Amino acid sequence: MRYPNTRYGHLGELEFWMQGDSVRRIAKRLKRSEKTVQNWLTGRTKIPWWVPEILRLQHYEYQDRLRQMGFTPLKTKLAIATADVLTFPKPTSPVSASITLSNPDTEFTQTSAR
């Protein structure tokens, strides 16, 4: 769509800026009821455009306050590994199949010897 409707917020954006907070805490931050926030998350009602924007601005204000007080930002972790021992599959050879020329006049067949 060339001109999307900007009156409503995007669910993925709301979930991103919630950053794992509970519905209760987000409702308190937005000064809305828990039921309203739950309805936004389940898709029963549309998300107002200002909801992800407010959460985004609150996040940036918080980061700016920490920077002004001299705190260094925490390093973000990309994933949490829960296994004691991680096993990864062994990589296969990049060329594992034999290559045969399609010209029937030649008897040449090349196989990978890596």
Protein backbone atom coordinates (compact mmCIF):
# COMPACT_ATOMS: atom_id res chain seq x y z
CA MET A 1 0.00 0.00 0.00
CA ARG A 2 1.45 3.33 -0.97
CA TYR A 3 -0.20 5.46 1.72
CA PRO A 4 -0.73 3.33 4.83
CA ASN A 5 -3.25 4.35 7.44
CA THR A 6 -1.29 6.23 10.09
CA ARG A 7 -4.18 6.52 12.55
CA TYR A 8 -3.42 3.14 14.08
CA GLY A 9 -0.29 1.62 15.59
CA HIS A 10 1.34 -1.63 14.55
CA LEU A 11 1.11 -4.65 16.87
CA GLY A 12 4.72 -5.68 16.25
CA GLU A 13 5.93 -2.21 17.14
CA LEU A 14 3.91 -2.25 20.36
CA GLU A 15 5.33 -5.64 21.33
CA PHE A 16 8.85 -4.45 20.53
CA TRP A 17 8.62 -1.33 22.67
CA MET A 18 6.96 -3.25 25.50
CA GLN A 19 10.28 -5.14 25.71
CA GLY A 20 8.93 -7.95 27.84
CA ASP A 21 7.18 -5.76 30.41
CA SER A 22 3.95 -7.02 31.90
CA VAL A 23 0.59 -5.76 30.75
CA ARG A 24 0.05 -4.23 34.19
CA ARG A 25 3.21 -2.10 33.99
CA ILE A 26 2.50 -0.97 30.42
CA ALA A 27 -1.08 -0.05 31.35
CA LYS A 28 0.22 2.03 34.25
CA ARG A 29 2.81 3.76 32.03
CA LEU A 30 0.18 4.60 29.41
CA LYS A 31 -2.50 5.48 32.01
CA ARG A 32 -4.92 2.95 30.51
CA SER A 33 -6.65 -0.10 31.95
CA GLU A 34 -5.09 -3.54 31.75
CA LYS A 35 -8.09 -4.72 29.75
CA THR A 36 -7.49 -2.04 27.12
CA VAL A 37 -3.85 -3.05 26.71
CA GLN A 38 -4.85 -6.72 26.59
CA ASN A 39 -7.42 -5.92 23.87
CA TRP A 40 -4.69 -4.19 21.84
CA LEU A 41 -2.41 -7.21 22.15
CA THR A 42 -5.08 -9.73 21.19
CA GLY A 43 -6.31 -7.62 18.28
CA ARG A 44 -9.85 -7.03 19.56
CA THR A 45 -9.37 -3.29 19.28
CA LYS A 46 -7.00 -1.29 17.11
CA ILE A 47 -3.94 0.29 18.67
CA PRO A 48 -3.94 4.10 18.63
CA TRP A 49 -1.01 5.57 16.72
CA TRP A 50 0.41 7.30 19.78
CA VAL A 51 0.88 4.14 21.90
CA PRO A 52 4.08 2.83 20.26
CA GLU A 53 5.33 6.40 19.93
CA ILE A 54 4.91 7.10 23.67
CA LEU A 55 6.69 3.85 24.58
CA ARG A 56 9.49 4.65 22.14
CA LEU A 57 9.94 8.17 23.53
CA GLN A 58 9.89 6.90 27.12
CA HIS A 59 12.60 4.41 26.23
CA TYR A 60 14.81 7.09 24.66
CA GLU A 61 14.26 9.46 27.60
CA TYR A 62 15.28 6.71 30.01
CA GLN A 63 18.44 5.97 28.01
CA ASP A 64 19.26 9.69 27.86
CA ARG A 65 18.82 10.06 31.64
CA LEU A 66 21.18 7.16 32.22
CA ARG A 67 23.72 8.69 29.84
CA GLN A 68 23.51 12.07 31.62
CA MET A 69 24.09 10.40 34.99
CA GLY A 70 27.19 8.66 33.65
CA PHE A 71 25.91 5.11 33.50
CA THR A 72 27.14 3.02 30.61
CA PRO A 73 24.45 1.10 28.74
CA LEU A 74 24.24 -2.60 29.46
CA LYS A 75 25.33 -4.93 26.71
CA THR A 76 22.35 -6.59 25.13
CA LYS A 77 22.32 -10.35 24.81
CA LEU A 78 21.07 -11.78 21.59
CA ALA A 79 19.93 -15.14 22.91
CA ILE A 80 19.90 -17.28 26.01
CA ALA A 81 21.28 -20.80 25.78
CA THR A 82 19.67 -23.16 28.25
CA ALA A 83 21.48 -26.41 27.44
CA ASP A 84 24.51 -27.63 29.38
CA VAL A 85 26.30 -28.73 26.22
CA LEU A 86 25.54 -27.22 22.84
CA THR A 87 26.03 -29.51 19.86
CA PHE A 88 26.11 -28.19 16.36
CA PRO A 89 25.80 -30.28 13.21
CA LYS A 90 29.06 -30.85 11.35
CA PRO A 91 29.30 -28.76 8.20
CA THR A 92 29.00 -30.64 4.97
CA SER A 93 31.37 -30.33 2.09
CA PRO A 94 30.52 -27.36 -0.15
CA VAL A 95 30.64 -29.63 -3.20
CA SER A 96 29.27 -33.02 -2.27
CA ALA A 97 27.64 -34.24 -5.47
CA SER A 98 29.50 -35.38 -8.56
CA ILE A 99 29.37 -33.07 -11.54
CA THR A 100 28.58 -34.64 -14.91
CA LEU A 101 28.83 -32.78 -18.19
CA SER A 102 25.64 -32.66 -20.19
CA ASN A 103 27.36 -33.12 -23.57
CA PRO A 104 26.90 -36.78 -24.60
CA ASP A 105 29.98 -36.71 -26.90
CA THR A 106 32.40 -36.47 -24.01
CA GLU A 107 33.00 -39.19 -21.48
CA PHE A 108 34.45 -36.79 -18.90
CA THR A 109 33.05 -36.96 -15.36
CA GLN A 110 34.44 -34.80 -12.59
CA THR A 111 33.99 -35.72 -8.96
CA SER A 112 34.82 -33.57 -6.00
CA ALA A 113 37.95 -34.59 -4.15
CA ARG A 114 37.99 -32.12 -1.31
